[in-house]
Protein backbone atom coordinates (compact mmCIF):
# COMPACT_ATOMS: atom_id res chain seq x y z
CA UNK A 1 4.43 6.51 -12.69
CA UNK A 2 0.94 5.50 -11.51
CA UNK A 3 -0.76 6.51 -8.34
CA UNK A 4 -4.10 6.17 -6.60
CA UNK A 5 -5.48 7.14 -3.23
CA UNK A 6 -7.35 4.85 -0.92
CA UNK A 7 -9.15 5.45 2.33
CA UNK A 8 -8.67 2.62 4.80
CA UNK A 9 -11.99 1.02 5.76
CA UNK A 10 -11.05 -1.75 8.11
CA UNK A 11 -11.53 -0.75 11.77
CA UNK A 12 -8.04 -1.84 12.79
CA UNK A 13 -6.29 0.09 9.97
CA UNK A 14 -3.04 -1.33 8.68
CA UNK A 15 -1.83 -3.28 11.67
CA UNK A 16 0.56 -6.28 11.53
CA UNK A 17 -1.60 -8.82 9.64
CA UNK A 18 -2.83 -6.67 6.84
CA UNK A 19 0.59 -4.98 6.55
CA UNK A 20 2.21 -8.40 6.10
CA UNK A 21 -0.39 -9.31 3.52
CA UNK A 22 0.30 -6.05 1.59
CA UNK A 23 4.02 -6.60 1.64
CA UNK A 24 3.57 -10.19 0.36
CA UNK A 25 1.27 -8.86 -2.37
CA UNK A 26 3.58 -6.20 -3.66
CA UNK A 27 6.87 -8.17 -3.30
CA UNK A 28 6.12 -10.12 -6.42
CA UNK A 29 6.17 -7.05 -8.75
CA UNK A 30 9.17 -5.43 -10.40
CA UNK A 31 7.90 -1.92 -9.92
CA UNK A 32 8.82 0.06 -6.84
CA UNK A 33 5.74 0.66 -4.61
CA UNK A 34 5.73 3.67 -2.26
CA UNK A 35 2.97 4.28 0.23
CA UNK A 36 2.42 7.82 1.51
CA UNK A 37 0.41 9.11 4.39
CA UNK A 38 0.38 12.83 5.46
CA UNK A 39 3.71 13.48 3.68
CA UNK A 40 5.45 10.44 5.19
CA UNK A 41 6.52 7.64 2.75
CA UNK A 42 7.36 4.03 3.12
CA UNK A 43 8.61 1.37 0.78
CA UNK A 44 5.64 -1.01 0.28
CA UNK A 45 8.00 -3.98 0.13
CA UNK A 46 9.28 -3.44 3.67
CA UNK A 47 7.06 -4.45 6.56
CA UNK A 48 8.63 -2.26 9.30
CA UNK A 49 8.64 0.80 7.03
CA UNK A 50 4.97 0.24 6.30
CA UNK A 51 4.09 -0.28 9.98
CA UNK A 52 5.92 2.99 10.88
CA UNK A 53 3.28 4.95 8.95
CA UNK A 54 0.76 3.98 11.68
CA UNK A 55 -2.19 4.00 9.26
CA UNK A 56 -5.57 3.96 11.05
CA UNK A 57 -9.17 3.49 9.89
CA UNK A 58 -10.56 6.33 7.72
CA UNK A 59 -7.14 7.67 6.89
CA UNK A 60 -6.11 8.29 3.28
CA UNK A 61 -3.07 6.73 1.83
CA UNK A 62 -1.51 7.19 -1.63
CA UNK A 63 0.04 4.31 -3.52
CA UNK A 64 2.75 5.18 -5.99
CA UNK A 65 3.94 2.62 -8.50
CA UNK A 66 6.91 3.10 -10.74
CA UNK A 67 8.32 0.52 -13.08
CA UNK A 68 7.80 -1.72 -15.98
CA UNK A 69 4.74 -3.38 -14.69
CA UNK A 70 3.17 -0.29 -13.01
CA UNK A 71 -0.06 -0.50 -14.98
CA UNK A 72 -0.80 -4.05 -13.88
CA UNK A 73 0.33 -3.31 -10.32
CA UNK A 74 -2.02 -0.34 -10.02
CA UNK A 75 -5.00 -2.59 -11.04
CA UNK A 76 -4.05 -5.51 -8.75
CA UNK A 77 -3.21 -3.24 -5.80
CA UNK A 78 -6.44 -1.35 -5.97
CA UNK A 79 -8.37 -4.61 -5.94
CA UNK A 80 -6.23 -5.87 -2.99
CA UNK A 81 -7.03 -2.72 -1.08
CA UNK A 82 -10.77 -3.03 -1.60
CA UNK A 83 -10.68 -6.63 -0.36
CA UNK A 84 -8.25 -6.27 2.51
CA UNK A 85 -7.79 -2.78 3.73
């Protein structure tokens, strides 16, 4: 299991467009990706679950990857977050 924390920097937080981009990004990996905010979790491959977290700017989220490609996923996902969230 790999995990990292990220503080959302985009003013709009994770609204529909970035949430869709995130789901599209993580859907290609074998590993399960869970996103956690304040004790609530969501499957990173499910758009509505991700949107239900209601993540705003300057809030911290934790990404948890578990599976055969978790090392690569952690690197790719951290880069994605820096560029898009």
